[in-house]
Protein backbone atom coordinates (compact mmCIF):
# COMPACT_ATOMS: atom_id res chain seq x y z
CA MET A 1 29.46 -24.19 28.93
CA GLN A 2 30.96 -27.45 28.69
CA LEU A 3 31.53 -27.22 24.99
CA GLN A 4 34.14 -24.60 25.77
CA ASP A 5 36.10 -27.30 27.37
CA LYS A 6 38.90 -28.67 25.26
CA LYS A 7 38.59 -32.08 26.82
CA VAL A 8 34.67 -32.30 25.86
CA GLY A 9 34.60 -33.63 21.96
CA SER A 10 30.99 -34.63 21.87
CA VAL A 11 27.67 -33.66 23.59
CA GLY A 12 24.16 -34.71 23.20
CA LEU A 13 21.10 -32.73 24.17
CA TYR A 14 18.42 -35.17 25.06
CA GLY A 15 14.66 -34.36 26.18
CA MET A 16 11.17 -34.72 25.12
CA GLY A 17 9.77 -33.24 21.84
CA GLY A 18 9.18 -29.63 21.90
CA VAL A 19 11.35 -28.57 24.84
CA GLY A 20 13.83 -26.67 23.05
CA LYS A 21 16.50 -28.97 22.07
CA THR A 22 16.78 -27.61 18.33
CA THR A 23 16.64 -24.08 19.62
CA LEU A 24 19.53 -24.25 21.71
CA LEU A 25 21.39 -26.16 19.13
CA THR A 26 20.60 -23.20 16.93
CA ARG A 27 21.93 -20.93 19.41
CA ILE A 28 25.19 -23.04 19.67
CA ASN A 29 25.44 -23.00 15.96
CA ASN A 30 25.17 -19.26 16.02
CA GLU A 31 28.01 -18.81 18.60
CA PHE A 32 30.08 -21.26 16.80
CA LEU A 33 29.70 -19.26 13.55
CA LYS A 34 30.53 -16.02 15.46
CA THR A 35 33.97 -17.51 16.67
CA ARG A 36 34.67 -19.82 13.73
CA GLU A 37 37.35 -17.90 11.98
CA ASP A 38 39.25 -17.83 15.35
CA GLU A 39 38.52 -21.27 16.39
CA PHE A 40 37.27 -23.65 13.89
CA ASP A 41 37.69 -24.26 9.81
CA ALA A 42 34.13 -25.33 9.39
CA VAL A 43 30.76 -25.28 11.27
CA ILE A 44 28.42 -27.88 9.95
CA TRP A 45 24.77 -28.49 10.33
CA VAL A 46 22.86 -31.58 9.43
CA THR A 47 19.25 -32.53 9.91
CA VAL A 48 19.34 -36.23 10.34
CA SER A 49 15.81 -37.15 11.18
CA ARG A 50 15.06 -40.76 10.51
CA PRO A 51 15.65 -42.84 9.31
CA ALA A 52 19.56 -41.78 9.70
CA SER A 53 21.03 -42.07 6.38
CA VAL A 54 24.71 -42.15 6.06
CA GLU A 55 24.53 -40.91 2.28
CA LYS A 56 22.55 -37.78 3.45
CA VAL A 57 25.07 -36.89 5.77
CA GLN A 58 27.77 -37.23 3.66
CA GLN A 59 25.89 -35.02 0.69
CA VAL A 60 25.62 -32.55 3.31
CA LEU A 61 29.15 -32.66 4.31
CA PHE A 62 30.07 -32.29 0.62
CA ASN A 63 28.16 -29.31 -0.02
CA LYS A 64 29.33 -27.39 3.14
CA LEU A 65 33.00 -28.18 2.41
CA GLY A 66 32.55 -26.86 -0.91
CA ILE A 67 33.52 -30.39 -2.32
CA PRO A 68 32.73 -30.50 -6.08
CA SER A 69 30.15 -33.19 -6.91
CA HIS A 70 32.43 -35.08 -9.16
CA LYS A 71 34.75 -35.86 -6.68
CA TRP A 72 31.77 -37.74 -4.78
CA GLU A 73 28.93 -38.50 -6.98
CA GLY A 74 29.01 -41.82 -8.76
CA ARG A 75 31.92 -43.16 -6.75
CA SER A 76 31.83 -46.05 -4.50
CA GLU A 77 31.10 -46.36 -0.99
CA ASP A 78 34.46 -46.62 0.15
CA GLU A 79 35.65 -43.72 -2.08
CA THR A 80 32.88 -41.42 -0.98
CA LYS A 81 34.25 -42.21 2.64
CA GLU A 82 37.61 -41.42 1.76
CA GLU A 83 36.47 -37.90 0.45
CA VAL A 84 34.88 -37.09 3.79
CA PHE A 85 37.68 -38.31 5.87
CA ASN A 86 40.06 -36.34 3.90
CA ALA A 87 37.95 -33.13 3.80
CA LEU A 88 37.95 -33.02 7.57
CA LYS A 89 41.09 -34.59 8.88
CA THR A 90 43.17 -31.69 8.71
CA LYS A 91 40.51 -29.48 9.80
CA LYS A 92 39.25 -28.22 13.08
CA PHE A 93 35.43 -28.43 12.95
CA VAL A 94 32.04 -28.42 14.61
CA LEU A 95 29.62 -30.79 13.46
CA LEU A 96 26.30 -30.37 14.67
CA LEU A 97 23.45 -33.12 14.20
CA ASP A 98 19.68 -32.42 14.97
CA ASP A 99 17.08 -34.86 15.48
CA LEU A 100 18.74 -38.17 15.95
CA TRP A 101 16.57 -40.75 16.62
CA GLU A 102 19.11 -43.51 17.07
CA PRO A 103 22.83 -43.40 17.22
CA LEU A 104 24.77 -42.73 14.23
CA ASP A 105 28.02 -44.44 13.57
CA LEU A 106 30.48 -41.47 12.86
CA PHE A 107 33.00 -43.93 11.86
CA SER A 108 30.84 -45.43 8.98
CA VAL A 109 30.30 -41.66 8.02
CA GLU A 110 34.18 -41.54 8.02
CA ILE A 111 33.91 -38.65 10.69
CA PRO A 112 37.32 -38.13 12.20
CA PRO A 113 37.38 -38.95 15.79
CA VAL A 114 36.95 -35.65 18.21
CA ASN A 115 39.14 -35.64 20.64
CA ASN A 116 41.96 -33.35 22.61
CA GLU A 117 44.16 -33.61 19.67
CA ASN A 118 42.16 -31.83 16.87
CA LYS A 119 39.74 -29.92 19.04
CA SER A 120 36.79 -30.58 17.01
CA LYS A 121 33.16 -30.59 18.42
CA VAL A 122 30.02 -32.97 17.37
CA VAL A 123 26.93 -31.70 18.94
CA PHE A 124 23.86 -33.62 18.40
CA THR A 125 19.83 -33.43 19.60
CA THR A 126 18.22 -36.42 20.29
CA ARG A 127 14.81 -37.64 22.39
CA PHE A 128 16.94 -40.29 24.04
CA SER A 129 19.44 -40.36 26.75
CA THR A 130 20.74 -43.95 25.49
CA VAL A 131 21.83 -42.17 21.92
CA CYS A 132 24.04 -40.40 23.69
CA LEU A 133 25.52 -43.25 25.83
CA ASP A 134 25.68 -45.26 22.74
CA MET A 135 27.64 -42.44 20.80
CA GLY A 136 30.24 -41.96 23.93
CA ALA A 137 28.66 -38.40 24.20
CA LYS A 138 28.15 -36.12 27.63
CA GLY A 139 24.75 -36.33 27.71
CA ILE A 140 22.81 -32.98 28.79
CA GLU A 141 19.05 -33.24 29.30
CA VAL A 142 16.84 -30.57 28.21
CA LYS A 143 13.78 -30.14 30.39
CA SER A 144 10.53 -27.83 30.07
CA LEU A 145 10.47 -24.46 31.63
CA ALA A 146 8.60 -24.31 34.76
CA TRP A 147 5.09 -22.36 34.78
CA GLU A 148 6.49 -19.49 36.29
CA GLU A 149 9.61 -19.01 34.03
CA ALA A 150 7.63 -19.85 30.80
CA PHE A 151 5.24 -17.24 31.69
CA ALA A 152 7.74 -14.79 32.29
CA LEU A 153 9.16 -15.53 29.10
CA PHE A 154 5.81 -15.43 27.35
CA GLN A 155 5.30 -11.84 28.70
CA ILE A 156 8.96 -10.65 27.40
CA TYR A 157 7.98 -11.81 23.74
CA VAL A 158 4.13 -10.84 23.41
CA GLY A 159 3.98 -7.55 25.55
CA LYS A 160 0.94 -6.45 28.37
CA ASP A 161 -1.53 -5.77 25.39
CA THR A 162 -1.44 -9.41 24.26
CA ILE A 163 -1.55 -10.84 27.62
CA ASN A 164 -4.41 -8.53 28.46
CA SER A 165 -6.01 -9.84 25.55
CA HIS A 166 -8.26 -12.87 24.55
CA LEU A 167 -5.25 -14.62 23.52
CA PHE A 168 -4.13 -14.86 27.16
CA THR A 169 -6.71 -17.08 27.91
CA LEU A 170 -6.27 -19.04 24.74
CA ALA A 171 -2.55 -19.61 25.56
CA PHE A 172 -2.89 -20.39 28.82
CA ALA A 173 -5.54 -23.27 27.64
CA LEU A 174 -3.30 -24.34 25.24
CA PHE A 175 -0.32 -24.66 27.82
CA GLN A 176 -2.88 -26.73 30.00
CA GLU A 177 -3.43 -29.14 27.18
CA GLN A 178 0.21 -29.66 26.53
CA LYS A 179 1.13 -30.09 30.21
CA ARG A 180 -1.85 -32.87 30.17
CA LEU A 181 -0.56 -34.46 27.42
CA ARG A 182 3.09 -34.42 28.75
CA ASN A 183 2.04 -35.86 31.87
CA GLY A 184 0.24 -38.55 29.93
CA ARG A 185 3.15 -39.45 27.85
CA GLU A 186 5.58 -39.56 30.71
CA ARG A 187 3.21 -41.96 32.32
CA TYR A 188 3.46 -44.18 29.53
CA LYS A 189 6.67 -43.40 28.46
CA CYS A 190 5.73 -43.14 24.80
């Protein structure tokens, strides 16, 4: 995977809603947590959503890094940024940002740059490839599974009894509706 490449610092997973970006990010999180002690000092997950809030991201960082609230609550914006930078500048970290709707200026949060030197990583999910470009990240498109692949996965998880029941008919109808809606959305680029 490209995330294992020491030269890759920032990766954006992009694609339409519901294709599994957050699920992939969760798997990435779990893999990094397994190897954390060997490779990283901190693995930090932040759900950003919209509107993106620098303060919210900073607060999650403080909590995850175990920085006492008296060091940042009630402080000026510059003092708060300095605390974030000082906490991360000597750490090898993985920052996972879920559900970005617009570029997040990591410098405004005071996230140290990720590069070959510090070996840190930033991985995020977004619906828009432009967010990847604007954040200088390697963009990876996450697409829907083909019908055959989706059905094979469905069979694995639900078993033959479920497939032979009325639930299969319902699931198939739901799939067809989702496919119809997706095709309409792609046509109009909503």
